[in-house]
PDB file of N, CA and C in Angstrom:
ATOM      1  N   MET A   1      -9.884 -11.448   3.559  1.00  0.00           N
ATOM      2  CA  MET A   1      -9.409 -10.119   3.232  1.00  0.00           C
ATOM      3  C   MET A   1     -10.438  -9.444   2.127  1.00  0.00           C
ATOM      4  N   THR A   2     -11.057  -8.961   1.985  1.00  0.00           N
ATOM      5  CA  THR A   2     -12.163  -8.544   0.583  1.00  0.00           C
ATOM      6  C   THR A   2     -11.647  -8.637  -0.407  1.00  0.00           C
ATOM      7  N   HIS A   3     -10.204  -6.757  -0.626  1.00  0.00           N
ATOM      8  CA  HIS A   3      -9.451  -7.231  -1.144  1.00  0.00           C
ATOM      9  C   HIS A   3      -9.365  -8.563  -2.551  1.00  0.00           C
ATOM     10  N   HIS A   4      -8.955 -10.116  -1.589  1.00  0.00           N
ATOM     11  CA  HIS A   4      -8.692 -10.860  -2.019  1.00  0.00           C
ATOM     12  C   HIS A   4      -9.401 -12.173  -2.698  1.00  0.00           C
ATOM     13  N   GLN A   5     -10.476 -11.232  -2.334  1.00  0.00           N
ATOM     14  CA  GLN A   5     -11.972 -11.879  -2.269  1.00  0.00           C
ATOM     15  C   GLN A   5     -12.739 -11.253  -3.344  1.00  0.00           C
ATOM     16  N   GLY A   6     -11.832  -9.948  -4.205  1.00  0.00           N
ATOM     17  CA  GLY A   6     -12.799  -9.612  -5.435  1.00  0.00           C
ATOM     18  C   GLY A   6     -13.975  -8.434  -4.847  1.00  0.00           C
ATOM     19  N   THR A   7     -14.299  -8.321  -4.168  1.00  0.00           N
ATOM     20  CA  THR A   7     -15.130  -7.737  -3.131  1.00  0.00           C
ATOM     21  C   THR A   7     -14.720  -6.398  -2.668  1.00  0.00           C
ATOM     22  N   ALA A   8     -13.828  -5.860  -2.776  1.00  0.00           N
ATOM     23  CA  ALA A   8     -13.689  -3.904  -1.964  1.00  0.00           C
ATOM     24  C   ALA A   8     -13.531  -3.120  -3.560  1.00  0.00           C
ATOM     25  N   SER A   9     -13.261  -3.039  -4.416  1.00  0.00           N
ATOM     26  CA  SER A   9     -12.808  -2.196  -5.055  1.00  0.00           C
ATOM     27  C   SER A   9     -12.813  -2.602  -6.375  1.00  0.00           C
ATOM     28  N   LYS A  10     -13.363  -1.953  -7.553  1.00  0.00           N
ATOM     29  CA  LYS A  10     -13.230  -2.936  -9.199  1.00  0.00           C
ATOM     30  C   LYS A  10     -11.683  -2.361  -9.007  1.00  0.00           C
ATOM     31  N   TYR A  11     -11.145  -1.140  -8.724  1.00  0.00           N
ATOM     32  CA  TYR A  11      -9.661  -1.092  -9.179  1.00  0.00           C
ATOM     33  C   TYR A  11      -9.122  -2.363  -8.217  1.00  0.00           C
ATOM     34  N   THR A  12      -9.582  -3.037  -7.326  1.00  0.00           N
ATOM     35  CA  THR A  12      -8.139  -4.265  -6.928  1.00  0.00           C
ATOM     36  C   THR A  12      -8.687  -5.261  -7.407  1.00  0.00           C
ATOM     37  N   ARG A  13      -9.732  -5.263  -8.246  1.00  0.00           N
ATOM     38  CA  ARG A  13     -10.432  -6.348  -8.211  1.00  0.00           C
ATOM     39  C   ARG A  13      -9.992  -6.891 -10.133  1.00  0.00           C
ATOM     40  N   ALA A  14     -10.179  -6.270 -10.799  1.00  0.00           N
ATOM     41  CA  ALA A  14      -9.482  -6.263 -11.729  1.00  0.00           C
ATOM     42  C   ALA A  14      -8.155  -6.350 -11.492  1.00  0.00           C
ATOM     43  N   ARG A  15      -6.734  -6.363 -10.603  1.00  0.00           N
ATOM     44  CA  ARG A  15      -5.488  -6.818 -10.744  1.00  0.00           C
ATOM     45  C   ARG A  15      -5.323  -7.771  -9.460  1.00  0.00           C
ATOM     46  N   LEU A  16      -5.841  -8.422  -9.695  1.00  0.00           N
ATOM     47  CA  LEU A  16      -5.701  -9.676  -8.253  1.00  0.00           C
ATOM     48  C   LEU A  16      -4.839 -10.530  -9.062  1.00  0.00           C
ATOM     49  N   PRO A  17      -4.082 -10.944  -8.397  1.00  0.00           N
ATOM     50  CA  PRO A  17      -4.041 -11.241  -7.124  1.00  0.00           C
ATOM     51  C   PRO A  17      -2.877 -10.007  -6.437  1.00  0.00           C
ATOM     52  N   LEU A  18      -3.211  -9.596  -5.292  1.00  0.00           N
ATOM     53  CA  LEU A  18      -2.657  -8.391  -4.799  1.00  0.00           C
ATOM     54  C   LEU A  18      -1.498  -9.657  -3.626  1.00  0.00           C
ATOM     55  N   LYS A  19       0.186  -8.583  -3.514  1.00  0.00           N
ATOM     56  CA  LYS A  19       0.544  -8.857  -2.488  1.00  0.00           C
ATOM     57  C   LYS A  19       0.912  -7.948  -1.626  1.00  0.00           C
ATOM     58  N   LEU A  20       0.394  -8.288  -0.200  1.00  0.00           N
ATOM     59  CA  LEU A  20       1.336  -7.465   0.702  1.00  0.00           C
ATOM     60  C   LEU A  20       2.606  -6.663   0.474  1.00  0.00           C
ATOM     61  N   MET A  21       2.866  -5.585   0.171  1.00  0.00           N
ATOM     62  CA  MET A  21       4.536  -5.454   0.868  1.00  0.00           C
ATOM     63  C   MET A  21       4.723  -4.705   1.589  1.00  0.00           C
ATOM     64  N   MET A  22       4.277  -4.184   2.824  1.00  0.00           N
ATOM     65  CA  MET A  22       4.273  -3.232   3.866  1.00  0.00           C
ATOM     66  C   MET A  22       3.475  -3.224   4.823  1.00  0.00           C
ATOM     67  N   LYS A  23       3.746  -3.268   5.757  1.00  0.00           N
ATOM     68  CA  LYS A  23       2.989  -3.209   7.338  1.00  0.00           C
ATOM     69  C   LYS A  23       3.380  -1.921   8.256  1.00  0.00           C
ATOM     70  N   SER A  24       2.235  -1.590   8.705  1.00  0.00           N
ATOM     71  CA  SER A  24       2.577  -0.477  10.129  1.00  0.00           C
ATOM     72  C   SER A  24       1.947  -0.475  10.644  1.00  0.00           C
ATOM     73  N   SER A  25       2.502  -0.201  12.017  1.00  0.00           N
ATOM     74  CA  SER A  25       1.423   0.420  13.282  1.00  0.00           C
ATOM     75  C   SER A  25      -0.310   0.860  13.230  1.00  0.00           C
ATOM     76  N   PRO A  26      -0.711   1.053  13.838  1.00  0.00           N
ATOM     77  CA  PRO A  26      -2.502   1.266  13.743  1.00  0.00           C
ATOM     78  C   PRO A  26      -1.675   3.196  13.441  1.00  0.00           C
ATOM     79  N   MET A  27      -2.703   3.673  12.639  1.00  0.00           N
ATOM     80  CA  MET A  27      -2.537   4.866  13.033  1.00  0.00           C
ATOM     81  C   MET A  27      -3.922   5.907  11.896  1.00  0.00           C
ATOM     82  N   SER A  28      -4.229   6.941  12.723  1.00  0.00           N
ATOM     83  CA  SER A  28      -5.007   7.619  11.778  1.00  0.00           C
ATOM     84  C   SER A  28      -5.271   7.982  10.292  1.00  0.00           C
ATOM     85  N   LYS A  29      -6.474   8.109   9.884  1.00  0.00           N
ATOM     86  CA  LYS A  29      -6.647   8.032   8.668  1.00  0.00           C
ATOM     87  C   LYS A  29      -5.571   9.283   7.623  1.00  0.00           C
ATOM     88  N   GLY A  30      -5.764  10.720   8.787  1.00  0.00           N
ATOM     89  CA  GLY A  30      -5.169  11.442   7.800  1.00  0.00           C
ATOM     90  C   GLY A  30      -4.038  11.196   8.068  1.00  0.00           C
ATOM     91  N   ASP A  31      -2.960  10.553   9.642  1.00  0.00           N
ATOM     92  CA  ASP A  31      -2.040   9.901   9.131  1.00  0.00           C
ATOM     93  C   ASP A  31      -1.680   8.814   8.040  1.00  0.00           C
ATOM     94  N   ALA A  32      -2.002   7.775   7.723  1.00  0.00           N
ATOM     95  CA  ALA A  32      -2.141   7.436   7.044  1.00  0.00           C
ATOM     96  C   ALA A  32      -2.519   7.696   5.133  1.00  0.00           C
ATOM     97  N   LEU A  33      -2.751   8.959   5.148  1.00  0.00           N
ATOM     98  CA  LEU A  33      -2.774   9.786   4.022  1.00  0.00           C
ATOM     99  C   LEU A  33      -1.512  10.741   3.942  1.00  0.00           C
ATOM    100  N   ARG A  34      -1.031  10.735   4.617  1.00  0.00           N
ATOM    101  CA  ARG A  34      -0.071  12.031   4.117  1.00  0.00           C
ATOM    102  C   ARG A  34       0.800  10.821   4.627  1.00  0.00           C
ATOM    103  N   LEU A  35       0.891   9.902   5.011  1.00  0.00           N
ATOM    104  CA  LEU A  35       2.306   8.624   4.460  1.00  0.00           C
ATOM    105  C   LEU A  35       2.467   8.133   3.434  1.00  0.00           C
ATOM    106  N   GLU A  36       1.262   8.295   3.290  1.00  0.00           N
ATOM    107  CA  GLU A  36       0.975   7.787   1.468  1.00  0.00           C
ATOM    108  C   GLU A  36       1.186   8.795   0.059  1.00  0.00           C
ATOM    109  N   MET A  37       1.151   9.747   0.576  1.00  0.00           N
ATOM    110  CA  MET A  37       1.515  10.340  -0.420  1.00  0.00           C
ATOM    111  C   MET A  37       2.976  11.055  -0.797  1.00  0.00           C
ATOM    112  N   LYS A  38       3.685  10.734   0.707  1.00  0.00           N
ATOM    113  CA  LYS A  38       5.345  10.433   1.033  1.00  0.00           C
ATOM    114  C   LYS A  38       5.990   9.884   0.206  1.00  0.00           C
ATOM    115  N   ILE A  39       5.257   8.266   0.979  1.00  0.00           N
ATOM    116  CA  ILE A  39       5.357   7.221  -0.073  1.00  0.00           C
ATOM    117  C   ILE A  39       5.729   7.382  -1.808  1.00  0.00           C
ATOM    118  N   LYS A  40       4.420   7.813  -2.500  1.00  0.00           N
ATOM    119  CA  LYS A  40       3.896   8.206  -3.350  1.00  0.00           C
ATOM    120  C   LYS A  40       4.909   8.544  -4.031  1.00  0.00           C
ATOM    121  N   LYS A  41       5.196  10.220  -3.469  1.00  0.00           N
ATOM    122  CA  LYS A  41       6.469  11.216  -3.730  1.00  0.00           C
ATOM    123  C   LYS A  41       7.636  10.798  -4.178  1.00  0.00           C
ATOM    124  N   LEU A  42       7.936   9.561  -3.766  1.00  0.00           N
ATOM    125  CA  LEU A  42       9.384   8.534  -3.625  1.00  0.00           C
ATOM    126  C   LEU A  42       9.622   8.482  -4.974  1.00  0.00           C
ATOM    127  N   PRO A  43      11.171   8.551  -5.917  1.00  0.00           N
ATOM    128  CA  PRO A  43      11.932   7.420  -6.928  1.00  0.00           C
ATOM    129  C   PRO A  43      11.660   6.481  -6.443  1.00  0.00           C
ATOM    130  N   LYS A  44      11.411   5.888  -7.503  1.00  0.00           N
ATOM    131  CA  LYS A  44      11.003   4.189  -7.624  1.00  0.00           C
ATOM    132  C   LYS A  44      12.120   3.467  -7.013  1.00  0.00           C
ATOM    133  N   GLY A  45      13.119   3.557  -6.672  1.00  0.00           N
ATOM    134  CA  GLY A  45      14.475   3.587  -5.897  1.00  0.00           C
ATOM    135  C   GLY A  45      14.113   3.462  -4.754  1.00  0.00           C
ATOM    136  N   LYS A  46      14.023   4.850  -4.192  1.00  0.00           N
ATOM    137  CA  LYS A  46      14.039   4.800  -3.125  1.00  0.00           C
ATOM    138  C   LYS A  46      12.570   4.184  -2.432  1.00  0.00           C
ATOM    139  N   LYS A  47      11.632   3.912  -3.210  1.00  0.00           N
ATOM    140  CA  LYS A  47      10.607   3.500  -2.608  1.00  0.00           C
ATOM    141  C   LYS A  47      11.313   1.290  -2.316  1.00  0.00           C
ATOM    142  N   LEU A  48      11.429   1.212  -3.676  1.00  0.00           N
ATOM    143  CA  LEU A  48      11.942  -0.447  -3.243  1.00  0.00           C
ATOM    144  C   LEU A  48      12.866  -0.369  -2.065  1.00  0.00           C
ATOM    145  N   SER A  49      13.905  -0.034  -1.760  1.00  0.00           N
ATOM    146  CA  SER A  49      15.331   0.430  -0.896  1.00  0.00           C
ATOM    147  C   SER A  49      13.938   0.287   0.556  1.00  0.00           C
ATOM    148  N   VAL A  50      13.485   0.989   1.008  1.00  0.00           N
ATOM    149  CA  VAL A  50      12.232   1.450   1.814  1.00  0.00           C
ATOM    150  C   VAL A  50      11.441   0.150   1.994  1.00  0.00           C
ATOM    151  N   LEU A  51      11.117  -0.502   1.246  1.00  0.00           N
ATOM    152  CA  LEU A  51      10.341  -2.133   1.196  1.00  0.00           C
ATOM    153  C   LEU A  51      11.607  -2.995   1.375  1.00  0.00           C
ATOM    154  N   ALA A  52      13.017  -3.143   0.992  1.00  0.00           N
ATOM    155  CA  ALA A  52      13.766  -4.029   1.658  1.00  0.00           C
ATOM    156  C   ALA A  52      13.907  -3.750   2.010  1.00  0.00           C
ATOM    157  N   ALA A  53      14.001  -2.501   3.425  1.00  0.00           N
ATOM    158  CA  ALA A  53      13.916  -2.227   4.266  1.00  0.00           C
ATOM    159  C   ALA A  53      13.610  -3.042   5.595  1.00  0.00           C
ATOM    160  N   GLU A  54      11.951  -3.512   5.258  1.00  0.00           N
ATOM    161  CA  GLU A  54      11.324  -3.896   5.959  1.00  0.00           C
ATOM    162  C   GLU A  54      11.132  -5.144   6.148  1.00  0.00           C
TER     163      GLU A  54
END
């Protein structure tokens, strides 16, 4: 994975090591962006409960 090698982006390179918290089935880029925005809008407690359910 390029993120773990530090070759993906400056943002992730400065925040290593990374931990995969959630995995989903393949989807289009648009669907992925919509899902990301939906998750980001959740309060912290609900985000943690979504991760615990995985």
